[in-house]
Amino acid sequence: MKKYYKASGFIVGLLFIASFSNAQKYDQGIGLRIGDPLGVTYKLYLPGYSAVEFNFGTTSRNWHSSYYQDTFNGLNKYDGFRYSGHDVKYTVALQGRYLLHQSFPANVEGRLDWYWGLGGQLRLSKIEYTYFTQEMLLDSDTKTNLDLGPEGILGVEYELQDYPIVGFGEVSLLGEIVDKPFRFRLFAAVGVRYSF
C-alpha cells in the first residue's frame, strides 16, 4: 500500500511540474527587426499586460531623401547655395519603449495581441551634401544629423502555440524635439523574436 501511495504521489508530482512548465509564459525575447530601423530587437514582458522593448539598428541609405533635402534647405549654413544631392554615410537608431498589450479578439492557436505604447527614439546620421555655390561651382560638405524625440507605437504580435517564436508588425510616429522641433516622421517594421 505504501508503494501505491509513493507511486501515486510521484505521478501527481510529475503531472504538476509538467502542467506548470507548459503554462509558464516566456518573459523575454530577442530577434531581428526588418524595416526602419533594421536591426536587433529585445523585449521584456513585465507582470500584467505591459512590456519594455529596446531596438538598435540602421536604415537604408536611400530612405528619407526628401527629409535630408529639406534639412539642407533649412540650414543657415547653406543659405545661397543650391542643393545638388546627398549621400548618407551611415545611420544609427536607438529606440526605447513602454508597451501595453491587449488580447486580439480572434480564435487562433497561440497568443495574438495588439499593443500600443510610448517611447523615445534617437537617430544619428552622417550625410555628405553636394551643392552649387553662389559662383556655380560644385562643392561638398559633411554634416552629422541628430534626431531625438518621443514616439507613439501601434502594433500586432503573434506567438506560436508550440514554439518559442513571436512575429510582429508595427507602425510608429516620431515627433522630433531635436533637431527639427515639431517635425513628424512615420516608421514601420516587421520582425521575429526567439522567446526564452
Protein backbone atom coordinates (compact mmCIF):
# COMPACT_ATOMS: atom_id res chain seq x y z
CA MET A 1 0.00 0.00 0.00
CA LYS A 2 2.87 2.38 0.80
CA LYS A 3 4.33 1.71 -2.66
CA TYR A 4 0.96 2.65 -4.19
CA TYR A 5 0.89 5.99 -2.34
CA LYS A 6 4.51 6.72 -3.23
CA ALA A 7 3.92 5.90 -6.91
CA SER A 8 0.72 7.98 -6.95
CA GLY A 9 2.48 10.88 -5.28
CA PHE A 10 5.36 10.66 -7.75
CA ILE A 11 2.99 10.64 -10.77
CA VAL A 12 0.92 13.54 -9.39
CA GLY A 13 4.15 15.46 -8.76
CA LEU A 14 5.35 14.89 -12.31
CA LEU A 15 1.98 15.96 -13.73
CA PHE A 16 2.02 19.10 -11.58
CA ILE A 17 5.54 20.04 -12.75
CA ALA A 18 4.65 19.32 -16.39
CA SER A 19 1.45 21.37 -16.24
CA PHE A 20 3.30 24.26 -14.54
CA SER A 21 6.08 24.29 -17.16
CA ASN A 22 3.55 24.21 -20.03
CA ALA A 23 1.55 27.07 -18.51
CA GLN A 24 4.61 29.20 -17.88
CA LYS A 25 4.83 32.17 -20.23
CA TYR A 26 8.07 33.29 -21.83
CA ASP A 27 9.10 36.57 -20.31
CA GLN A 28 11.62 37.90 -22.85
CA GLY A 29 12.68 37.61 -26.46
CA ILE A 30 15.42 38.68 -28.84
CA GLY A 31 15.30 38.81 -32.59
CA LEU A 32 15.53 40.63 -35.90
CA ARG A 33 13.60 43.73 -36.92
CA ILE A 34 13.15 44.41 -40.65
CA GLY A 35 12.09 47.90 -41.68
CA ASP A 36 13.06 51.26 -40.31
CA PRO A 37 15.21 50.76 -38.37
CA LEU A 38 16.65 47.42 -39.47
CA GLY A 39 18.43 45.73 -36.60
CA VAL A 40 18.21 43.83 -33.34
CA THR A 41 15.16 43.89 -31.05
CA TYR A 42 14.89 42.86 -27.39
CA LYS A 43 11.61 42.70 -25.47
CA LEU A 44 10.99 42.06 -21.77
CA TYR A 45 7.44 41.21 -20.68
CA LEU A 46 6.51 42.66 -17.31
CA PRO A 47 3.84 41.39 -14.89
CA GLY A 48 0.35 42.10 -16.18
CA TYR A 49 -0.01 43.19 -19.78
CA SER A 50 2.97 45.50 -20.19
CA ALA A 51 6.43 45.20 -21.71
CA VAL A 52 9.57 47.19 -22.40
CA GLU A 53 11.38 47.00 -25.71
CA PHE A 54 14.79 48.15 -26.93
CA ASN A 55 15.84 48.29 -30.59
CA PHE A 56 19.21 49.03 -32.11
CA GLY A 57 19.76 49.31 -35.84
CA THR A 58 20.29 51.27 -39.01
CA THR A 59 18.32 52.26 -42.09
CA SER A 60 18.76 52.14 -45.83
CA ARG A 61 20.94 54.87 -47.32
CA ASN A 62 18.24 55.55 -49.91
CA TRP A 63 15.37 56.20 -47.50
CA HIS A 64 14.30 59.63 -46.25
CA SER A 65 15.72 61.51 -49.27
CA SER A 66 13.20 64.35 -49.07
CA TYR A 67 13.87 64.67 -45.32
CA TYR A 68 17.59 65.25 -45.86
CA GLN A 69 16.96 67.63 -48.74
CA ASP A 70 14.60 69.65 -46.52
CA THR A 71 17.28 69.61 -43.81
CA PHE A 72 19.80 71.09 -46.26
CA ASN A 73 17.37 73.81 -47.37
CA GLY A 74 16.60 74.73 -43.75
CA LEU A 75 20.18 75.18 -42.57
CA ASN A 76 21.57 78.73 -42.39
CA LYS A 77 24.99 77.32 -43.20
CA TYR A 78 23.86 76.64 -46.76
CA ASP A 79 21.97 79.88 -47.44
CA GLY A 80 22.51 80.98 -51.04
CA PHE A 81 23.64 77.50 -52.12
CA ARG A 82 21.62 75.24 -54.44
CA TYR A 83 21.14 71.64 -53.37
CA SER A 84 22.54 69.06 -55.80
CA GLY A 85 22.35 65.79 -53.86
CA HIS A 86 23.40 63.90 -50.77
CA ASP A 87 24.90 60.59 -49.68
CA VAL A 88 24.04 59.09 -46.30
CA LYS A 89 27.26 57.54 -44.98
CA TYR A 90 25.58 55.80 -42.02
CA THR A 91 22.61 55.98 -39.68
CA VAL A 92 22.41 54.57 -36.14
CA ALA A 93 19.00 54.34 -34.48
CA LEU A 94 18.13 53.57 -30.85
CA GLN A 95 14.58 53.05 -29.56
CA GLY A 96 13.32 52.50 -26.02
CA ARG A 97 9.61 51.81 -25.44
CA TYR A 98 7.00 51.02 -22.82
CA LEU A 99 4.15 48.95 -24.32
CA LEU A 100 0.70 47.80 -23.20
CA HIS A 101 -0.71 44.56 -24.65
CA GLN A 102 -4.34 43.56 -25.21
CA SER A 103 -5.64 40.22 -26.49
CA PHE A 104 -6.83 40.38 -30.07
CA PRO A 105 -10.46 39.19 -30.38
CA ALA A 106 -9.77 36.24 -32.67
CA ASN A 107 -9.97 32.48 -32.20
CA VAL A 108 -6.43 31.37 -33.07
CA GLU A 109 -3.95 28.88 -31.66
CA GLY A 110 -1.18 30.61 -29.79
CA ARG A 111 -1.24 34.17 -28.50
CA LEU A 112 -2.41 37.06 -30.68
CA ASP A 113 -2.12 40.55 -29.15
CA TRP A 114 -2.27 44.11 -30.31
CA TYR A 115 -0.20 46.66 -28.47
CA TRP A 116 0.36 50.36 -28.15
CA GLY A 117 2.77 52.47 -26.21
CA LEU A 118 5.15 55.38 -25.88
CA GLY A 119 8.88 55.62 -26.16
CA GLY A 120 11.79 57.62 -27.41
CA GLN A 121 13.93 57.43 -30.50
CA LEU A 122 17.46 58.71 -31.15
CA ARG A 123 18.86 58.74 -34.69
CA LEU A 124 22.39 59.76 -35.62
CA SER A 125 23.30 60.11 -39.30
CA LYS A 126 26.33 61.30 -41.22
CA ILE A 127 25.43 62.93 -44.55
CA GLU A 128 27.60 64.29 -47.32
CA TYR A 129 25.84 67.08 -49.21
CA THR A 130 26.79 68.23 -52.69
CA TYR A 131 25.66 71.68 -53.80
CA PHE A 132 26.34 74.58 -56.10
CA THR A 133 27.94 77.65 -54.56
CA GLN A 134 26.95 81.20 -55.45
CA GLU A 135 29.73 81.12 -58.06
CA MET A 136 28.03 78.00 -59.54
CA LEU A 137 30.89 75.74 -58.50
CA LEU A 138 30.11 72.23 -57.31
CA ASP A 139 31.17 71.72 -53.71
CA SER A 140 30.51 69.21 -50.89
CA ASP A 141 30.26 69.23 -47.12
CA THR A 142 29.71 66.55 -44.47
CA LYS A 143 27.21 67.07 -41.65
CA THR A 144 26.20 65.00 -38.64
CA ASN A 145 22.43 64.93 -38.19
CA LEU A 146 20.96 64.17 -34.73
CA ASP A 147 17.23 63.49 -34.34
CA LEU A 148 15.62 62.90 -30.95
CA GLY A 149 12.04 62.80 -29.76
CA PRO A 150 9.10 60.89 -28.31
CA GLU A 151 7.48 58.11 -30.27
CA GLY A 152 3.98 56.60 -30.33
CA ILE A 153 3.69 52.92 -31.30
CA LEU A 154 0.86 50.68 -32.57
CA GLY A 155 1.40 47.03 -33.46
CA VAL A 156 0.30 43.42 -33.50
CA GLU A 157 2.17 40.37 -32.16
CA TYR A 158 1.63 36.62 -32.63
CA GLU A 159 3.30 33.90 -30.54
CA LEU A 160 3.21 30.34 -31.89
CA GLN A 161 1.49 27.88 -29.59
CA ASP A 162 4.10 25.11 -29.54
CA TYR A 163 7.28 27.00 -30.39
CA PRO A 164 9.04 29.95 -28.70
CA ILE A 165 8.72 32.15 -31.80
CA VAL A 166 6.99 35.56 -31.88
CA GLY A 167 6.26 37.51 -35.05
CA PHE A 168 5.25 41.18 -35.04
CA GLY A 169 4.38 44.14 -37.24
CA GLU A 170 4.09 47.77 -36.20
CA VAL A 171 4.00 51.41 -37.14
CA SER A 172 5.32 54.32 -35.09
CA LEU A 173 5.21 58.09 -35.23
CA LEU A 174 8.22 60.13 -34.10
CA GLY A 175 7.76 63.75 -33.02
CA GLU A 176 11.16 65.39 -33.22
CA ILE A 177 12.36 67.70 -30.47
CA VAL A 178 15.96 67.82 -31.78
CA ASP A 179 16.89 68.95 -34.47
CA LYS A 180 13.63 69.81 -36.22
CA PRO A 181 11.10 70.56 -33.48
CA PHE A 182 7.51 69.54 -34.27
CA ARG A 183 8.50 67.57 -37.38
CA PHE A 184 6.68 64.22 -37.50
CA ARG A 185 8.12 61.10 -39.14
CA LEU A 186 6.39 57.75 -39.74
CA PHE A 187 8.24 54.43 -39.42
CA ALA A 188 7.19 50.79 -39.96
CA ALA A 189 8.71 47.37 -39.36
CA VAL A 190 8.04 43.64 -39.15
CA GLY A 191 10.17 41.12 -37.31
CA VAL A 192 10.58 37.90 -35.42
CA ARG A 193 11.89 37.12 -31.93
CA TYR A 194 13.02 33.95 -30.17
CA SER A 195 11.38 33.83 -26.73
CA PHE A 196 13.01 32.42 -23.61
